PDB file of N, CA and C in Angstrom:
ATOM      1  N   MET A   1     108.669 170.246 138.350  1.00  0.00           N
ATOM      2  CA  MET A   1     107.921 171.841 139.706  1.00  0.00           C
ATOM      3  C   MET A   1     107.281 171.095 140.569  1.00  0.00           C
ATOM      4  N   LYS A   2     107.061 171.976 141.529  1.00  0.00           N
ATOM      5  CA  LYS A   2     106.599 171.658 142.854  1.00  0.00           C
ATOM      6  C   LYS A   2     105.506 172.950 142.896  1.00  0.00           C
ATOM      7  N   GLU A   3     104.626 172.974 143.511  1.00  0.00           N
ATOM      8  CA  GLU A   3     103.297 173.410 143.993  1.00  0.00           C
ATOM      9  C   GLU A   3     104.017 175.401 144.074  1.00  0.00           C
ATOM     10  N   ASN A   4     103.564 176.157 143.219  1.00  0.00           N
ATOM     11  CA  ASN A   4     104.730 176.937 144.240  1.00  0.00           C
ATOM     12  C   ASN A   4     103.722 178.269 145.298  1.00  0.00           C
ATOM     13  N   ARG A   5     102.123 177.616 145.402  1.00  0.00           N
ATOM     14  CA  ARG A   5     101.098 178.647 146.202  1.00  0.00           C
ATOM     15  C   ARG A   5     100.661 178.096 147.042  1.00  0.00           C
ATOM     16  N   THR A   6     100.442 178.547 148.610  1.00  0.00           N
ATOM     17  CA  THR A   6      99.284 177.683 149.729  1.00  0.00           C
ATOM     18  C   THR A   6      98.328 178.148 149.843  1.00  0.00           C
ATOM     19  N   ALA A   7      97.450 177.078 150.221  1.00  0.00           N
ATOM     20  CA  ALA A   7      96.411 178.150 150.267  1.00  0.00           C
ATOM     21  C   ALA A   7      95.862 177.546 151.845  1.00  0.00           C
ATOM     22  N   ARG A   8      95.145 177.412 152.522  1.00  0.00           N
ATOM     23  CA  ARG A   8      95.101 177.157 153.966  1.00  0.00           C
ATOM     24  C   ARG A   8      93.100 176.137 154.206  1.00  0.00           C
ATOM     25  N   LEU A   9      93.544 175.102 154.598  1.00  0.00           N
ATOM     26  CA  LEU A   9      92.652 174.270 154.184  1.00  0.00           C
ATOM     27  C   LEU A   9      92.275 173.758 155.866  1.00  0.00           C
ATOM     28  N   THR A  10      90.864 174.070 156.684  1.00  0.00           N
ATOM     29  CA  THR A  10      90.779 173.904 157.563  1.00  0.00           C
ATOM     30  C   THR A  10      89.566 172.862 158.066  1.00  0.00           C
ATOM     31  N   LEU A  11      89.616 171.927 158.795  1.00  0.00           N
ATOM     32  CA  LEU A  11      88.507 170.731 159.323  1.00  0.00           C
ATOM     33  C   LEU A  11      88.864 170.609 160.186  1.00  0.00           C
ATOM     34  N   LEU A  12      87.960 170.547 160.359  1.00  0.00           N
ATOM     35  CA  LEU A  12      87.367 169.768 162.602  1.00  0.00           C
ATOM     36  C   LEU A  12      87.528 168.090 162.585  1.00  0.00           C
ATOM     37  N   ILE A  13      88.512 167.575 164.259  1.00  0.00           N
ATOM     38  CA  ILE A  13      88.214 166.300 164.070  1.00  0.00           C
ATOM     39  C   ILE A  13      88.508 166.530 165.856  1.00  0.00           C
ATOM     40  N   ASP A  14      87.642 165.050 165.425  1.00  0.00           N
ATOM     41  CA  ASP A  14      88.124 165.062 167.520  1.00  0.00           C
ATOM     42  C   ASP A  14      88.856 164.816 167.799  1.00  0.00           C
ATOM     43  N   PRO A  15      89.315 165.590 169.478  1.00  0.00           N
ATOM     44  CA  PRO A  15      90.395 165.937 169.866  1.00  0.00           C
ATOM     45  C   PRO A  15      91.296 165.052 169.975  1.00  0.00           C
ATOM     46  N   GLU A  16      91.019 163.481 170.623  1.00  0.00           N
ATOM     47  CA  GLU A  16      91.578 162.651 170.392  1.00  0.00           C
ATOM     48  C   GLU A  16      92.014 161.924 169.269  1.00  0.00           C
ATOM     49  N   LYS A  17      91.548 161.922 168.337  1.00  0.00           N
ATOM     50  CA  LYS A  17      92.028 161.323 167.047  1.00  0.00           C
ATOM     51  C   LYS A  17      93.053 162.756 166.399  1.00  0.00           C
ATOM     52  N   LYS A  18      93.270 163.721 166.646  1.00  0.00           N
ATOM     53  CA  LYS A  18      94.167 164.740 166.338  1.00  0.00           C
ATOM     54  C   LYS A  18      95.423 165.026 167.851  1.00  0.00           C
ATOM     55  N   LYS A  19      95.357 164.401 168.370  1.00  0.00           N
ATOM     56  CA  LYS A  19      96.440 163.701 169.446  1.00  0.00           C
ATOM     57  C   LYS A  19      96.509 162.926 168.629  1.00  0.00           C
ATOM     58  N   LEU A  20      96.095 161.680 168.663  1.00  0.00           N
ATOM     59  CA  LEU A  20      96.719 161.152 168.379  1.00  0.00           C
ATOM     60  C   LEU A  20      97.525 160.568 166.970  1.00  0.00           C
ATOM     61  N   PHE A  21      96.989 161.247 165.926  1.00  0.00           N
ATOM     62  CA  PHE A  21      97.691 161.769 164.661  1.00  0.00           C
ATOM     63  C   PHE A  21      98.803 162.142 164.694  1.00  0.00           C
ATOM     64  N   GLU A  22      98.497 163.421 165.876  1.00  0.00           N
ATOM     65  CA  GLU A  22      99.732 164.302 166.152  1.00  0.00           C
ATOM     66  C   GLU A  22     101.666 163.681 166.833  1.00  0.00           C
ATOM     67  N   GLU A  23     100.697 162.846 167.969  1.00  0.00           N
ATOM     68  CA  GLU A  23     102.391 161.449 167.408  1.00  0.00           C
ATOM     69  C   GLU A  23     102.548 160.844 166.517  1.00  0.00           C
ATOM     70  N   ILE A  24     101.513 160.283 166.540  1.00  0.00           N
ATOM     71  CA  ILE A  24     101.629 159.170 165.150  1.00  0.00           C
ATOM     72  C   ILE A  24     103.103 159.341 164.009  1.00  0.00           C
ATOM     73  N   CYS A  25     102.066 161.227 163.340  1.00  0.00           N
ATOM     74  CA  CYS A  25     103.613 161.950 162.303  1.00  0.00           C
ATOM     75  C   CYS A  25     104.260 162.061 162.969  1.00  0.00           C
ATOM     76  N   ALA A  26     105.080 162.551 164.997  1.00  0.00           N
ATOM     77  CA  ALA A  26     105.955 162.957 165.565  1.00  0.00           C
ATOM     78  C   ALA A  26     107.264 161.933 165.336  1.00  0.00           C
ATOM     79  N   SER A  27     106.115 160.685 165.821  1.00  0.00           N
ATOM     80  CA  SER A  27     106.864 158.970 165.783  1.00  0.00           C
ATOM     81  C   SER A  27     107.832 159.154 164.488  1.00  0.00           C
ATOM     82  N   LYS A  28     107.548 159.495 163.512  1.00  0.00           N
ATOM     83  CA  LYS A  28     107.681 159.679 161.979  1.00  0.00           C
ATOM     84  C   LYS A  28     108.539 160.371 161.090  1.00  0.00           C
ATOM     85  N   ASP A  29     108.662 161.471 162.026  1.00  0.00           N
ATOM     86  CA  ASP A  29     110.219 162.954 162.249  1.00  0.00           C
ATOM     87  C   ASP A  29     108.599 163.322 160.380  1.00  0.00           C
ATOM     88  N   LEU A  30     107.037 162.983 161.144  1.00  0.00           N
ATOM     89  CA  LEU A  30     107.046 164.333 160.160  1.00  0.00           C
ATOM     90  C   LEU A  30     105.810 165.121 160.540  1.00  0.00           C
ATOM     91  N   THR A  31     105.209 166.273 159.304  1.00  0.00           N
ATOM     92  CA  THR A  31     104.611 167.303 160.314  1.00  0.00           C
ATOM     93  C   THR A  31     103.505 166.152 159.746  1.00  0.00           C
ATOM     94  N   PRO A  32     102.074 167.231 160.500  1.00  0.00           N
ATOM     95  CA  PRO A  32     100.372 166.767 160.424  1.00  0.00           C
ATOM     96  C   PRO A  32     100.979 167.102 158.998  1.00  0.00           C
ATOM     97  N   SER A  33     100.989 168.202 158.492  1.00  0.00           N
ATOM     98  CA  SER A  33     100.605 168.887 156.769  1.00  0.00           C
ATOM     99  C   SER A  33     101.310 168.435 156.075  1.00  0.00           C
ATOM    100  N   GLN A  34     103.035 167.223 156.049  1.00  0.00           N
ATOM    101  CA  GLN A  34     103.083 166.621 155.394  1.00  0.00           C
ATOM    102  C   GLN A  34     102.461 165.596 155.189  1.00  0.00           C
ATOM    103  N   VAL A  35     101.446 164.821 155.787  1.00  0.00           N
ATOM    104  CA  VAL A  35     101.032 163.662 156.254  1.00  0.00           C
ATOM    105  C   VAL A  35      99.688 164.395 154.537  1.00  0.00           C
ATOM    106  N   VAL A  36      99.388 165.205 155.372  1.00  0.00           N
ATOM    107  CA  VAL A  36      97.139 165.555 155.035  1.00  0.00           C
ATOM    108  C   VAL A  36      98.472 166.358 153.055  1.00  0.00           C
ATOM    109  N   ARG A  37      98.893 166.184 152.939  1.00  0.00           N
ATOM    110  CA  ARG A  37      99.346 167.097 151.984  1.00  0.00           C
ATOM    111  C   ARG A  37      99.704 165.868 150.895  1.00  0.00           C
ATOM    112  N   ARG A  38     100.439 164.479 151.572  1.00  0.00           N
ATOM    113  CA  ARG A  38     100.284 163.399 151.284  1.00  0.00           C
ATOM    114  C   ARG A  38      99.803 162.527 151.151  1.00  0.00           C
ATOM    115  N   LEU A  39      98.341 162.589 151.265  1.00  0.00           N
ATOM    116  CA  LEU A  39      97.442 162.099 152.098  1.00  0.00           C
ATOM    117  C   LEU A  39      96.216 161.963 151.278  1.00  0.00           C
ATOM    118  N   ILE A  40      95.218 164.010 150.330  1.00  0.00           N
ATOM    119  CA  ILE A  40      96.083 164.180 149.304  1.00  0.00           C
ATOM    120  C   ILE A  40      96.159 164.587 148.022  1.00  0.00           C
ATOM    121  N   ARG A  41      97.304 163.991 147.917  1.00  0.00           N
ATOM    122  CA  ARG A  41      97.710 163.762 146.589  1.00  0.00           C
ATOM    123  C   ARG A  41      97.079 162.718 145.785  1.00  0.00           C
ATOM    124  N   GLN A  42      97.889 161.606 146.950  1.00  0.00           N
ATOM    125  CA  GLN A  42      97.452 159.791 147.076  1.00  0.00           C
ATOM    126  C   GLN A  42      95.661 160.047 146.168  1.00  0.00           C
ATOM    127  N   TYR A  43      94.868 160.518 147.334  1.00  0.00           N
ATOM    128  CA  TYR A  43      93.195 160.671 146.296  1.00  0.00           C
ATOM    129  C   TYR A  43      93.081 161.581 145.711  1.00  0.00           C
ATOM    130  N   VAL A  44      93.772 162.234 145.250  1.00  0.00           N
ATOM    131  CA  VAL A  44      93.674 162.910 143.944  1.00  0.00           C
ATOM    132  C   VAL A  44      94.290 162.128 143.081  1.00  0.00           C
ATOM    133  N   GLN A  45      95.933 161.694 143.249  1.00  0.00           N
ATOM    134  CA  GLN A  45      95.478 160.517 141.436  1.00  0.00           C
ATOM    135  C   GLN A  45      94.885 159.099 141.651  1.00  0.00           C
ATOM    136  N   GLU A  46      94.455 158.695 142.473  1.00  0.00           N
ATOM    137  CA  GLU A  46      93.714 157.909 142.346  1.00  0.00           C
ATOM    138  C   GLU A  46      91.675 157.692 142.511  1.00  0.00           C
ATOM    139  N   ASN A  47      91.405 159.281 142.434  1.00  0.00           N
ATOM    140  CA  ASN A  47      90.284 159.798 141.535  1.00  0.00           C
ATOM    141  C   ASN A  47      90.000 161.050 140.559  1.00  0.00           C
ATOM    142  N   ALA A  48      91.284 161.161 139.928  1.00  0.00           N
ATOM    143  CA  ALA A  48      91.393 162.217 138.625  1.00  0.00           C
ATOM    144  C   ALA A  48      90.395 162.003 137.345  1.00  0.00           C
ATOM    145  N   GLY A  49      89.960 160.567 137.563  1.00  0.00           N
ATOM    146  CA  GLY A  49      89.761 160.174 137.111  1.00  0.00           C
ATOM    147  C   GLY A  49      89.955 160.898 135.451  1.00  0.00           C
ATOM    148  N   ASN A  50      89.659 160.853 133.818  1.00  0.00           N
ATOM    149  CA  ASN A  50      89.746 161.821 133.019  1.00  0.00           C
ATOM    150  C   ASN A  50      90.790 163.312 133.213  1.00  0.00           C
ATOM    151  N   ARG A  51      91.092 163.949 134.110  1.00  0.00           N
ATOM    152  CA  ARG A  51      90.955 164.901 134.333  1.00  0.00           C
ATOM    153  C   ARG A  51      92.760 164.450 133.489  1.00  0.00           C
ATOM    154  N   THR A  52      93.235 166.112 133.579  1.00  0.00           N
ATOM    155  CA  THR A  52      95.195 165.799 132.933  1.00  0.00           C
ATOM    156  C   THR A  52      95.439 166.253 134.063  1.00  0.00           C
ATOM    157  N   LEU A  53      96.621 166.242 134.745  1.00  0.00           N
ATOM    158  CA  LEU A  53      96.695 166.413 135.402  1.00  0.00           C
ATOM    159  C   LEU A  53      98.029 166.949 135.328  1.00  0.00           C
ATOM    160  N   PRO A  54      98.810 168.028 136.271  1.00  0.00           N
ATOM    161  CA  PRO A  54     100.203 168.447 136.509  1.00  0.00           C
ATOM    162  C   PRO A  54     101.518 167.955 136.390  1.00  0.00           C
ATOM    163  N   GLU A  55     102.302 168.001 135.943  1.00  0.00           N
ATOM    164  CA  GLU A  55     103.597 167.177 136.161  1.00  0.00           C
ATOM    165  C   GLU A  55     103.834 166.495 137.159  1.00  0.00           C
ATOM    166  N   TRP A  56     104.076 168.149 138.365  1.00  0.00           N
ATOM    167  CA  TRP A  56     103.707 167.393 139.759  1.00  0.00           C
ATOM    168  C   TRP A  56     103.393 166.889 140.138  1.00  0.00           C
ATOM    169  N   LEU A  57     101.785 166.994 139.692  1.00  0.00           N
ATOM    170  CA  LEU A  57     101.359 166.413 141.228  1.00  0.00           C
ATOM    171  C   LEU A  57     101.686 164.946 140.737  1.00  0.00           C
ATOM    172  N   LYS A  58     102.114 164.377 139.332  1.00  0.00           N
ATOM    173  CA  LYS A  58     101.868 162.812 139.039  1.00  0.00           C
ATOM    174  C   LYS A  58     103.283 162.568 139.752  1.00  0.00           C
ATOM    175  N   ASP A  59     104.155 163.001 140.169  1.00  0.00           N
ATOM    176  CA  ASP A  59     105.115 162.926 140.597  1.00  0.00           C
ATOM    177  C   ASP A  59     105.064 162.078 142.433  1.00  0.00           C
ATOM    178  N   ASN A  60     105.742 161.303 142.602  1.00  0.00           N
ATOM    179  CA  ASN A  60     105.315 159.928 144.190  1.00  0.00           C
ATOM    180  C   ASN A  60     105.959 160.604 145.837  1.00  0.00           C
ATOM    181  N   ASP A  61     106.498 162.329 145.624  1.00  0.00           N
ATOM    182  CA  ASP A  61     107.904 162.130 146.264  1.00  0.00           C
ATOM    183  C   ASP A  61     106.999 162.273 147.446  1.00  0.00           C
TER     184      ASP A  61
END
């Protein structure tokens, strides 16, 4: 099962880093949102400790 709701995450980033990040994402045919979601999923998986994770969060898609 996948996430079925969305929530907005706003962050501040240096404009030059943002531009470079967007260029790299585009070169890999990915949106910045896809990359950030992957990074967050990976971070949660690696740092969840003893927390029980939902099955959809355990997948590495």
